[in-house]
Amino acid sequence: MGALSWLLTDGRAGEVELAGLGAVLACRYDDDEAGSPWTFVLYLDVCASAAQRDALAAIFTGRRGGDALRHFPWAWKTSRLVAVRPVEIEVDHTRRRQRLRIRDRVTVRIRDRYAGDERVTCVIPGHERAGEELVADELLVEDGALSFGYRGVCGYGSRFDYAG
């Protein structure tokens, strides 16, 4: 269970400009369940136009193909998309101070860098890149089928470069 967030600093889908937009995925999966299927909600920046939201939804669900089919387990495993929601996304990806808030639905606050030597990134897309292992002070998701909360769990921050 967790939440992933992206801030697109550069990019487009065909002629649709995507720079400056955000996307968040709240998810649940269980490796003890056959095939470890994913259940997820995709949140897209409310400031995006309809064309931008359509493009982002196609990218982050894997429908557009490309790198998503290699990096996003929910795109190539059995999965259940609960909803795609246009929302106001408050996100700060400042190193070691990362925070994310989608009012009444998702909150993530990073406490600090993880002090251990082991990697804790598990299936986070792009975890093979140089990044920063973190500790989440708070991770809360309250959205119907997805409802969970944790404190002191692992987090990860990095830059990613997807194409396709």
N, C-alpha and C. Protein backbone atom coordinates (compact mmCIF):
# COMPACT_ATOMS: atom_id res chain seq x y z
N MET A 1 0.85 -1.17 0.00
CA MET A 1 0.00 0.00 0.00
C MET A 1 0.89 1.22 0.00
N GLY A 2 0.49 2.22 -0.78
CA GLY A 2 1.31 3.41 -0.81
C GLY A 2 0.76 4.46 -1.74
N ALA A 3 1.57 5.48 -1.92
CA ALA A 3 1.23 6.58 -2.83
C ALA A 3 2.49 6.99 -3.57
N LEU A 4 2.35 7.20 -4.86
CA LEU A 4 3.45 7.65 -5.71
C LEU A 4 3.04 8.99 -6.31
N SER A 5 3.99 9.91 -6.42
CA SER A 5 3.66 11.20 -7.03
C SER A 5 4.72 11.58 -8.05
N TRP A 6 4.26 12.27 -9.08
CA TRP A 6 5.13 12.76 -10.14
C TRP A 6 4.83 14.23 -10.41
N LEU A 7 5.88 15.02 -10.62
CA LEU A 7 5.77 16.38 -11.13
C LEU A 7 6.48 16.36 -12.48
N LEU A 8 5.77 16.65 -13.52
CA LEU A 8 6.36 16.60 -14.85
C LEU A 8 7.07 17.91 -15.14
N THR A 9 8.39 17.86 -15.21
CA THR A 9 9.16 19.06 -15.47
C THR A 9 9.29 19.33 -16.96
N ASP A 10 9.14 18.30 -17.76
CA ASP A 10 9.25 18.43 -19.20
C ASP A 10 8.49 17.26 -19.81
N GLY A 11 7.85 17.48 -20.94
CA GLY A 11 7.23 16.35 -21.61
C GLY A 11 5.96 16.69 -22.36
N ARG A 12 5.63 15.80 -23.25
CA ARG A 12 4.43 15.94 -24.06
C ARG A 12 3.98 14.56 -24.51
N ALA A 13 2.72 14.47 -24.86
CA ALA A 13 2.15 13.27 -25.46
C ALA A 13 1.64 13.72 -26.82
N GLY A 14 2.39 13.41 -27.86
CA GLY A 14 2.05 13.93 -29.18
C GLY A 14 2.17 15.44 -29.14
N GLU A 15 1.09 16.13 -29.46
CA GLU A 15 1.09 17.59 -29.45
C GLU A 15 0.62 18.18 -28.12
N VAL A 16 0.29 17.33 -27.15
CA VAL A 16 -0.25 17.80 -25.87
C VAL A 16 0.89 18.04 -24.87
N GLU A 17 1.09 19.29 -24.48
CA GLU A 17 2.13 19.68 -23.53
C GLU A 17 1.73 19.22 -22.13
N LEU A 18 2.69 18.61 -21.41
CA LEU A 18 2.40 18.09 -20.07
C LEU A 18 3.28 18.70 -18.98
N ALA A 19 4.26 19.49 -19.35
CA ALA A 19 5.17 20.09 -18.36
C ALA A 19 4.38 20.92 -17.35
N GLY A 20 4.78 20.79 -16.09
CA GLY A 20 4.17 21.56 -15.02
C GLY A 20 2.99 20.88 -14.35
N LEU A 21 2.57 19.74 -14.86
CA LEU A 21 1.41 19.04 -14.29
C LEU A 21 1.86 17.97 -13.30
N GLY A 22 0.93 17.55 -12.45
CA GLY A 22 1.21 16.52 -11.47
C GLY A 22 0.28 15.34 -11.63
N ALA A 23 0.75 14.20 -11.15
CA ALA A 23 -0.06 12.98 -11.11
C ALA A 23 0.29 12.22 -9.84
N VAL A 24 -0.70 11.56 -9.26
CA VAL A 24 -0.50 10.79 -8.03
C VAL A 24 -1.24 9.46 -8.19
N LEU A 25 -0.64 8.41 -7.70
CA LEU A 25 -1.26 7.10 -7.72
C LEU A 25 -1.29 6.57 -6.30
N ALA A 26 -2.47 6.30 -5.76
CA ALA A 26 -2.62 5.61 -4.48
C ALA A 26 -2.92 4.16 -4.82
N CYS A 27 -2.26 3.24 -4.13
CA CYS A 27 -2.36 1.84 -4.57
C CYS A 27 -2.28 0.84 -3.43
N ARG A 28 -2.70 -0.36 -3.80
CA ARG A 28 -2.61 -1.51 -2.89
C ARG A 28 -2.34 -2.74 -3.74
N TYR A 29 -1.44 -3.59 -3.27
CA TYR A 29 -1.21 -4.90 -3.87
C TYR A 29 -0.67 -5.81 -2.78
N ASP A 30 -0.70 -7.11 -3.01
CA ASP A 30 -0.25 -8.07 -2.01
C ASP A 30 0.50 -9.18 -2.72
N ASP A 31 1.80 -9.30 -2.45
CA ASP A 31 2.61 -10.35 -3.09
C ASP A 31 2.17 -11.75 -2.68
N ASP A 32 1.41 -11.87 -1.57
CA ASP A 32 0.93 -13.19 -1.15
C ASP A 32 -0.32 -13.60 -1.92
N GLU A 33 -0.90 -12.68 -2.68
CA GLU A 33 -2.07 -12.97 -3.50
C GLU A 33 -1.59 -13.40 -4.89
N ALA A 34 -2.16 -14.43 -5.45
CA ALA A 34 -1.73 -14.95 -6.76
C ALA A 34 -1.68 -13.82 -7.79
N GLY A 35 -0.51 -13.63 -8.41
CA GLY A 35 -0.35 -12.60 -9.43
C GLY A 35 -0.17 -11.20 -8.87
N SER A 36 -0.24 -11.04 -7.57
CA SER A 36 -0.17 -9.75 -6.87
C SER A 36 -0.86 -8.61 -7.64
N PRO A 37 -2.18 -8.75 -7.84
CA PRO A 37 -2.91 -7.71 -8.59
C PRO A 37 -2.93 -6.38 -7.84
N TRP A 38 -3.01 -5.31 -8.59
CA TRP A 38 -3.01 -3.95 -8.06
C TRP A 38 -4.41 -3.38 -8.05
N THR A 39 -4.72 -2.61 -7.02
CA THR A 39 -5.93 -1.78 -6.98
C THR A 39 -5.42 -0.36 -6.83
N PHE A 40 -5.89 0.57 -7.68
CA PHE A 40 -5.34 1.91 -7.59
C PHE A 40 -6.34 2.98 -8.01
N VAL A 41 -6.06 4.18 -7.49
CA VAL A 41 -6.77 5.40 -7.87
C VAL A 41 -5.72 6.32 -8.47
N LEU A 42 -6.04 6.91 -9.61
CA LEU A 42 -5.14 7.85 -10.27
C LEU A 42 -5.70 9.25 -10.10
N TYR A 43 -4.90 10.12 -9.52
CA TYR A 43 -5.29 11.52 -9.31
C TYR A 43 -4.51 12.37 -10.31
N LEU A 44 -5.23 13.23 -11.02
CA LEU A 44 -4.59 14.09 -12.02
C LEU A 44 -4.85 15.54 -11.70
N ASP A 45 -3.91 16.37 -12.04
CA ASP A 45 -3.95 17.80 -11.76
C ASP A 45 -5.22 18.44 -12.31
N VAL A 46 -5.99 19.07 -11.43
CA VAL A 46 -7.24 19.71 -11.82
C VAL A 46 -6.99 20.86 -12.80
N CYS A 47 -5.78 21.40 -12.81
CA CYS A 47 -5.44 22.49 -13.73
C CYS A 47 -5.24 22.00 -15.16
N ALA A 48 -5.13 20.70 -15.36
CA ALA A 48 -4.91 20.15 -16.70
C ALA A 48 -6.19 20.28 -17.54
N SER A 49 -6.00 20.50 -18.82
CA SER A 49 -7.14 20.52 -19.75
C SER A 49 -7.65 19.09 -19.92
N ALA A 50 -8.78 18.94 -20.55
CA ALA A 50 -9.32 17.60 -20.81
C ALA A 50 -8.33 16.77 -21.63
N ALA A 51 -7.71 17.37 -22.64
CA ALA A 51 -6.74 16.66 -23.47
C ALA A 51 -5.52 16.24 -22.65
N GLN A 52 -5.07 17.11 -21.75
CA GLN A 52 -3.94 16.77 -20.89
C GLN A 52 -4.30 15.65 -19.92
N ARG A 53 -5.49 15.72 -19.32
CA ARG A 53 -5.91 14.65 -18.40
C ARG A 53 -6.03 13.32 -19.15
N ASP A 54 -6.59 13.34 -20.36
CA ASP A 54 -6.69 12.11 -21.15
C ASP A 54 -5.30 11.53 -21.42
N ALA A 55 -4.36 12.40 -21.79
CA ALA A 55 -2.99 11.94 -22.07
C ALA A 55 -2.33 11.38 -20.82
N LEU A 56 -2.47 12.09 -19.69
CA LEU A 56 -1.88 11.61 -18.44
C LEU A 56 -2.49 10.28 -18.00
N ALA A 57 -3.79 10.15 -18.13
CA ALA A 57 -4.46 8.90 -17.76
C ALA A 57 -3.95 7.76 -18.64
N ALA A 58 -3.80 8.01 -19.93
CA ALA A 58 -3.30 6.97 -20.84
C ALA A 58 -1.87 6.57 -20.48
N ILE A 59 -1.05 7.54 -20.12
CA ILE A 59 0.34 7.26 -19.75
C ILE A 59 0.41 6.48 -18.45
N PHE A 60 -0.24 6.99 -17.40
CA PHE A 60 -0.07 6.41 -16.07
C PHE A 60 -0.87 5.14 -15.84
N THR A 61 -1.81 4.81 -16.71
CA THR A 61 -2.47 3.50 -16.63
C THR A 61 -1.78 2.48 -17.53
N GLY A 62 -0.90 2.94 -18.41
CA GLY A 62 -0.20 2.05 -19.32
C GLY A 62 -0.88 1.89 -20.66
N ARG A 63 -2.05 2.50 -20.85
CA ARG A 63 -2.77 2.36 -22.12
C ARG A 63 -1.99 2.93 -23.30
N ARG A 64 -1.13 3.89 -23.05
CA ARG A 64 -0.34 4.51 -24.11
C ARG A 64 0.87 3.67 -24.49
N GLY A 65 1.22 2.68 -23.68
CA GLY A 65 2.38 1.83 -23.97
C GLY A 65 3.66 2.50 -23.53
N GLY A 66 4.72 2.29 -24.27
CA GLY A 66 6.01 2.90 -23.96
C GLY A 66 6.61 2.36 -22.69
N ASP A 67 7.41 3.19 -22.03
CA ASP A 67 8.12 2.80 -20.81
C ASP A 67 7.20 2.34 -19.69
N ALA A 68 5.96 2.80 -19.70
CA ALA A 68 5.03 2.43 -18.63
C ALA A 68 4.91 0.92 -18.52
N LEU A 69 4.95 0.23 -19.64
CA LEU A 69 4.80 -1.23 -19.60
C LEU A 69 6.02 -1.93 -19.01
N ARG A 70 7.11 -1.20 -18.87
CA ARG A 70 8.30 -1.74 -18.24
C ARG A 70 8.44 -1.29 -16.80
N HIS A 71 7.97 -0.08 -16.49
CA HIS A 71 8.19 0.51 -15.17
C HIS A 71 7.00 0.42 -14.22
N PHE A 72 5.78 0.38 -14.73
CA PHE A 72 4.60 0.46 -13.88
C PHE A 72 3.96 -0.92 -13.72
N PRO A 73 4.13 -1.59 -12.57
CA PRO A 73 3.56 -2.92 -12.39
C PRO A 73 2.05 -2.97 -12.60
N TRP A 74 1.34 -1.92 -12.23
CA TRP A 74 -0.11 -1.90 -12.42
C TRP A 74 -0.49 -1.86 -13.89
N ALA A 75 0.46 -1.53 -14.78
CA ALA A 75 0.19 -1.48 -16.22
C ALA A 75 0.36 -2.86 -16.85
N TRP A 76 1.21 -3.71 -16.30
CA TRP A 76 1.43 -5.02 -16.91
C TRP A 76 0.94 -6.19 -16.07
N LYS A 77 0.53 -5.94 -14.85
CA LYS A 77 -0.08 -6.99 -14.02
C LYS A 77 -1.59 -6.84 -14.05
N THR A 78 -2.27 -7.84 -13.55
CA THR A 78 -3.71 -7.70 -13.36
C THR A 78 -3.94 -6.54 -12.41
N SER A 79 -4.83 -5.64 -12.77
CA SER A 79 -5.06 -4.48 -11.92
C SER A 79 -6.50 -4.01 -12.04
N ARG A 80 -6.90 -3.26 -11.02
CA ARG A 80 -8.25 -2.68 -10.99
C ARG A 80 -8.12 -1.18 -10.74
N LEU A 81 -8.46 -0.40 -11.75
CA LEU A 81 -8.48 1.05 -11.63
C LEU A 81 -9.80 1.44 -10.99
N VAL A 82 -9.74 1.96 -9.77
CA VAL A 82 -10.95 2.34 -9.04
C VAL A 82 -11.53 3.63 -9.62
N ALA A 83 -10.66 4.61 -9.88
CA ALA A 83 -11.14 5.91 -10.37
C ALA A 83 -9.97 6.72 -10.90
N VAL A 84 -10.28 7.64 -11.80
CA VAL A 84 -9.37 8.70 -12.21
C VAL A 84 -10.04 9.99 -11.75
N ARG A 85 -9.35 10.73 -10.87
CA ARG A 85 -9.96 11.91 -10.27
C ARG A 85 -9.15 13.17 -10.57
N PRO A 86 -9.78 14.18 -11.16
CA PRO A 86 -9.10 15.48 -11.25
C PRO A 86 -9.16 16.15 -9.88
N VAL A 87 -8.01 16.52 -9.33
CA VAL A 87 -7.94 17.06 -7.98
C VAL A 87 -6.88 18.16 -7.92
N GLU A 88 -6.96 18.94 -6.87
CA GLU A 88 -5.89 19.89 -6.58
C GLU A 88 -4.80 19.11 -5.87
N ILE A 89 -3.62 19.10 -6.45
CA ILE A 89 -2.48 18.37 -5.90
C ILE A 89 -1.50 19.38 -5.31
N GLU A 90 -1.25 19.25 -4.02
CA GLU A 90 -0.22 20.05 -3.36
C GLU A 90 0.98 19.14 -3.17
N VAL A 91 2.07 19.44 -3.84
CA VAL A 91 3.24 18.57 -3.75
C VAL A 91 4.51 19.40 -3.70
N ASP A 92 5.45 18.93 -2.90
CA ASP A 92 6.77 19.55 -2.80
C ASP A 92 7.77 18.41 -2.83
N HIS A 93 8.60 18.37 -3.85
CA HIS A 93 9.59 17.30 -3.96
C HIS A 93 10.98 17.77 -3.51
N THR A 94 11.04 18.78 -2.64
CA THR A 94 12.31 19.24 -2.08
C THR A 94 12.95 18.09 -1.32
N ARG A 95 14.22 17.83 -1.59
CA ARG A 95 14.90 16.70 -0.95
C ARG A 95 14.73 16.71 0.55
N ARG A 96 14.39 15.55 1.08
CA ARG A 96 14.25 15.28 2.52
C ARG A 96 13.14 16.06 3.19
N ARG A 97 12.34 16.78 2.44
CA ARG A 97 11.20 17.50 2.99
C ARG A 97 9.95 17.23 2.15
N GLN A 98 10.00 16.20 1.34
CA GLN A 98 8.90 15.94 0.43
C GLN A 98 7.57 15.87 1.17
N ARG A 99 6.55 16.39 0.52
CA ARG A 99 5.21 16.29 1.07
C ARG A 99 4.23 16.25 -0.09
N LEU A 100 3.09 15.65 0.18
CA LEU A 100 2.03 15.51 -0.82
C LEU A 100 0.71 15.63 -0.09
N ARG A 101 -0.21 16.36 -0.70
CA ARG A 101 -1.55 16.45 -0.10
C ARG A 101 -2.59 16.58 -1.19
N ILE A 102 -3.57 15.71 -1.10
CA ILE A 102 -4.79 15.81 -1.91
C ILE A 102 -5.89 15.87 -0.87
N ARG A 103 -6.48 17.04 -0.73
CA ARG A 103 -7.41 17.29 0.37
C ARG A 103 -8.42 16.16 0.55
N ASP A 104 -8.56 15.70 1.78
CA ASP A 104 -9.51 14.67 2.20
C ASP A 104 -9.25 13.30 1.59
N ARG A 105 -8.12 13.13 0.90
CA ARG A 105 -7.88 11.83 0.26
C ARG A 105 -6.48 11.25 0.52
N VAL A 106 -5.43 12.04 0.33
CA VAL A 106 -4.06 11.52 0.43
C VAL A 106 -3.17 12.54 1.12
N THR A 107 -2.35 12.06 2.07
CA THR A 107 -1.33 12.89 2.71
C THR A 107 -0.06 12.06 2.86
N VAL A 108 1.06 12.64 2.45
CA VAL A 108 2.37 12.02 2.66
C VAL A 108 3.31 13.12 3.14
N ARG A 109 4.02 12.84 4.24
CA ARG A 109 5.04 13.76 4.75
C ARG A 109 6.31 12.96 5.02
N ILE A 110 7.41 13.41 4.44
CA ILE A 110 8.70 12.75 4.63
C ILE A 110 9.38 13.35 5.86
N ARG A 111 9.90 12.48 6.71
CA ARG A 111 10.58 12.92 7.93
C ARG A 111 12.04 13.22 7.67
N ASP A 112 12.75 12.27 7.00
CA ASP A 112 14.19 12.42 6.84
C ASP A 112 14.71 11.32 5.92
N ARG A 113 15.99 11.36 5.70
CA ARG A 113 16.67 10.32 4.92
C ARG A 113 16.71 9.04 5.76
N TYR A 114 16.58 7.88 5.12
CA TYR A 114 16.68 6.60 5.78
C TYR A 114 18.14 6.35 6.13
N ALA A 115 18.43 6.00 7.39
CA ALA A 115 19.80 5.87 7.87
C ALA A 115 20.44 4.52 7.56
N GLY A 116 19.67 3.50 7.21
CA GLY A 116 20.21 2.16 6.97
C GLY A 116 20.91 2.03 5.64
N ASP A 117 21.58 0.90 5.45
CA ASP A 117 22.32 0.64 4.22
C ASP A 117 21.49 -0.10 3.18
N GLU A 118 20.47 -0.85 3.62
CA GLU A 118 19.70 -1.65 2.67
C GLU A 118 18.76 -0.78 1.85
N ARG A 119 18.43 -1.28 0.65
CA ARG A 119 17.49 -0.58 -0.24
C ARG A 119 16.07 -0.93 0.18
N VAL A 120 15.20 0.06 0.16
CA VAL A 120 13.82 -0.16 0.59
C VAL A 120 12.83 0.23 -0.51
N THR A 121 13.26 0.33 -1.75
CA THR A 121 12.41 0.86 -2.81
C THR A 121 11.40 -0.13 -3.37
N CYS A 122 11.55 -1.38 -3.17
CA CYS A 122 10.70 -2.46 -3.69
C CYS A 122 10.25 -2.17 -5.12
N VAL A 123 8.97 -2.03 -5.41
CA VAL A 123 8.52 -1.90 -6.81
C VAL A 123 8.31 -0.46 -7.25
N ILE A 124 8.84 0.49 -6.55
CA ILE A 124 8.66 1.88 -6.97
C ILE A 124 9.28 2.04 -8.36
N PRO A 125 8.50 2.55 -9.33
CA PRO A 125 9.00 2.67 -10.71
C PRO A 125 10.25 3.53 -10.79
N GLY A 126 11.29 2.97 -11.39
CA GLY A 126 12.53 3.70 -11.55
C GLY A 126 13.48 3.57 -10.38
N HIS A 127 13.20 2.63 -9.46
CA HIS A 127 14.03 2.51 -8.26
C HIS A 127 15.47 2.14 -8.57
N GLU A 128 15.73 1.68 -9.78
CA GLU A 128 17.10 1.34 -10.13
C GLU A 128 17.95 2.60 -10.35
N ARG A 129 17.32 3.75 -10.44
CA ARG A 129 18.04 5.02 -10.61
C ARG A 129 18.62 5.48 -9.28
N ALA A 130 19.64 6.32 -9.38
CA ALA A 130 20.18 6.92 -8.16
C ALA A 130 19.09 7.79 -7.54
N GLY A 131 18.85 7.60 -6.29
CA GLY A 131 17.81 8.37 -5.61
C GLY A 131 18.11 8.44 -4.14
N GLU A 132 17.10 8.70 -3.38
CA GLU A 132 17.28 8.88 -1.95
C GLU A 132 16.26 8.06 -1.19
N GLU A 133 16.75 7.16 -0.32
CA GLU A 133 15.89 6.36 0.54
C GLU A 133 15.42 7.26 1.68
N LEU A 134 14.13 7.26 1.95
CA LEU A 134 13.54 8.20 2.90
C LEU A 134 12.66 7.49 3.92
N VAL A 135 12.28 8.21 4.96
CA VAL A 135 11.32 7.72 5.95
C VAL A 135 10.11 8.65 5.91
N ALA A 136 8.94 8.07 5.72
CA ALA A 136 7.70 8.85 5.71
C ALA A 136 7.20 9.01 7.14
N ASP A 137 7.06 10.25 7.56
CA ASP A 137 6.50 10.55 8.87
C ASP A 137 5.03 10.16 8.90
N GLU A 138 4.36 10.37 7.75
CA GLU A 138 2.94 10.06 7.66
C GLU A 138 2.59 9.69 6.23
N LEU A 139 1.80 8.64 6.08
CA LEU A 139 1.24 8.22 4.80
C LEU A 139 -0.21 7.83 5.06
N LEU A 140 -1.14 8.65 4.58
CA LEU A 140 -2.57 8.40 4.79
C LEU A 140 -3.29 8.42 3.45
N VAL A 141 -4.13 7.43 3.23
CA VAL A 141 -5.00 7.40 2.05
C VAL A 141 -6.40 7.08 2.53
N GLU A 142 -7.36 7.91 2.16
CA GLU A 142 -8.78 7.72 2.49
C GLU A 142 -9.60 7.95 1.23
N ASP A 143 -9.82 6.89 0.47
CA ASP A 143 -10.57 7.05 -0.78
C ASP A 143 -11.33 5.76 -1.10
N GLY A 144 -12.44 5.57 -0.45
CA GLY A 144 -13.30 4.41 -0.73
C GLY A 144 -12.58 3.09 -0.58
N ALA A 145 -12.34 2.41 -1.71
CA ALA A 145 -11.72 1.09 -1.70
C ALA A 145 -10.30 1.12 -1.15
N LEU A 146 -9.68 2.27 -1.15
CA LEU A 146 -8.33 2.41 -0.60
C LEU A 146 -8.39 3.26 0.66
N SER A 147 -8.12 2.62 1.79
CA SER A 147 -8.15 3.32 3.07
C SER A 147 -7.09 2.70 3.97
N PHE A 148 -6.01 3.44 4.22
CA PHE A 148 -4.94 2.93 5.07
C PHE A 148 -4.10 4.10 5.58
N GLY A 149 -3.32 3.83 6.60
CA GLY A 149 -2.44 4.85 7.16
C GLY A 149 -1.23 4.21 7.82
N TYR A 150 -0.08 4.86 7.66
CA TYR A 150 1.17 4.36 8.24
C TYR A 150 2.00 5.53 8.73
N ARG A 151 2.89 5.23 9.66
CA ARG A 151 3.88 6.19 10.13
C ARG A 151 5.22 5.49 10.18
N GLY A 152 6.27 6.20 9.79
CA GLY A 152 7.62 5.66 9.88
C GLY A 152 7.94 4.60 8.85
N VAL A 153 7.26 4.60 7.72
CA VAL A 153 7.53 3.60 6.68
C VAL A 153 8.49 4.18 5.63
N CYS A 154 8.94 3.32 4.72
CA CYS A 154 9.92 3.74 3.74
C CYS A 154 9.32 4.66 2.68
N GLY A 155 10.19 5.45 2.11
CA GLY A 155 9.86 6.32 1.00
C GLY A 155 11.05 6.38 0.06
N TYR A 156 10.87 7.00 -1.08
CA TYR A 156 11.95 7.09 -2.06
C TYR A 156 11.74 8.32 -2.91
N GLY A 157 12.82 9.03 -3.20
CA GLY A 157 12.75 10.20 -4.06
C GLY A 157 13.80 10.12 -5.15
N SER A 158 13.42 10.45 -6.37
CA SER A 158 14.35 10.41 -7.49
C SER A 158 13.78 11.17 -8.68
N ARG A 159 14.61 11.45 -9.66
CA ARG A 159 14.17 11.98 -10.95
C ARG A 159 13.98 10.78 -11.86
N PHE A 160 13.00 10.85 -12.73
CA PHE A 160 12.72 9.75 -13.66
C PHE A 160 12.66 10.31 -15.07
N ASP A 161 12.85 9.43 -16.04
CA ASP A 161 12.81 9.82 -17.43
C ASP A 161 12.09 8.71 -18.19
N TYR A 162 10.81 8.91 -18.46
CA TYR A 162 10.01 7.90 -19.17
C TYR A 162 9.79 8.36 -20.60
N ALA A 163 9.60 7.42 -21.49
CA ALA A 163 9.35 7.75 -22.90
C ALA A 163 8.40 6.71 -23.49
N GLY A 164 7.78 7.10 -24.58
CA GLY A 164 6.95 6.13 -25.30
C GLY A 164 5.63 6.67 -25.72
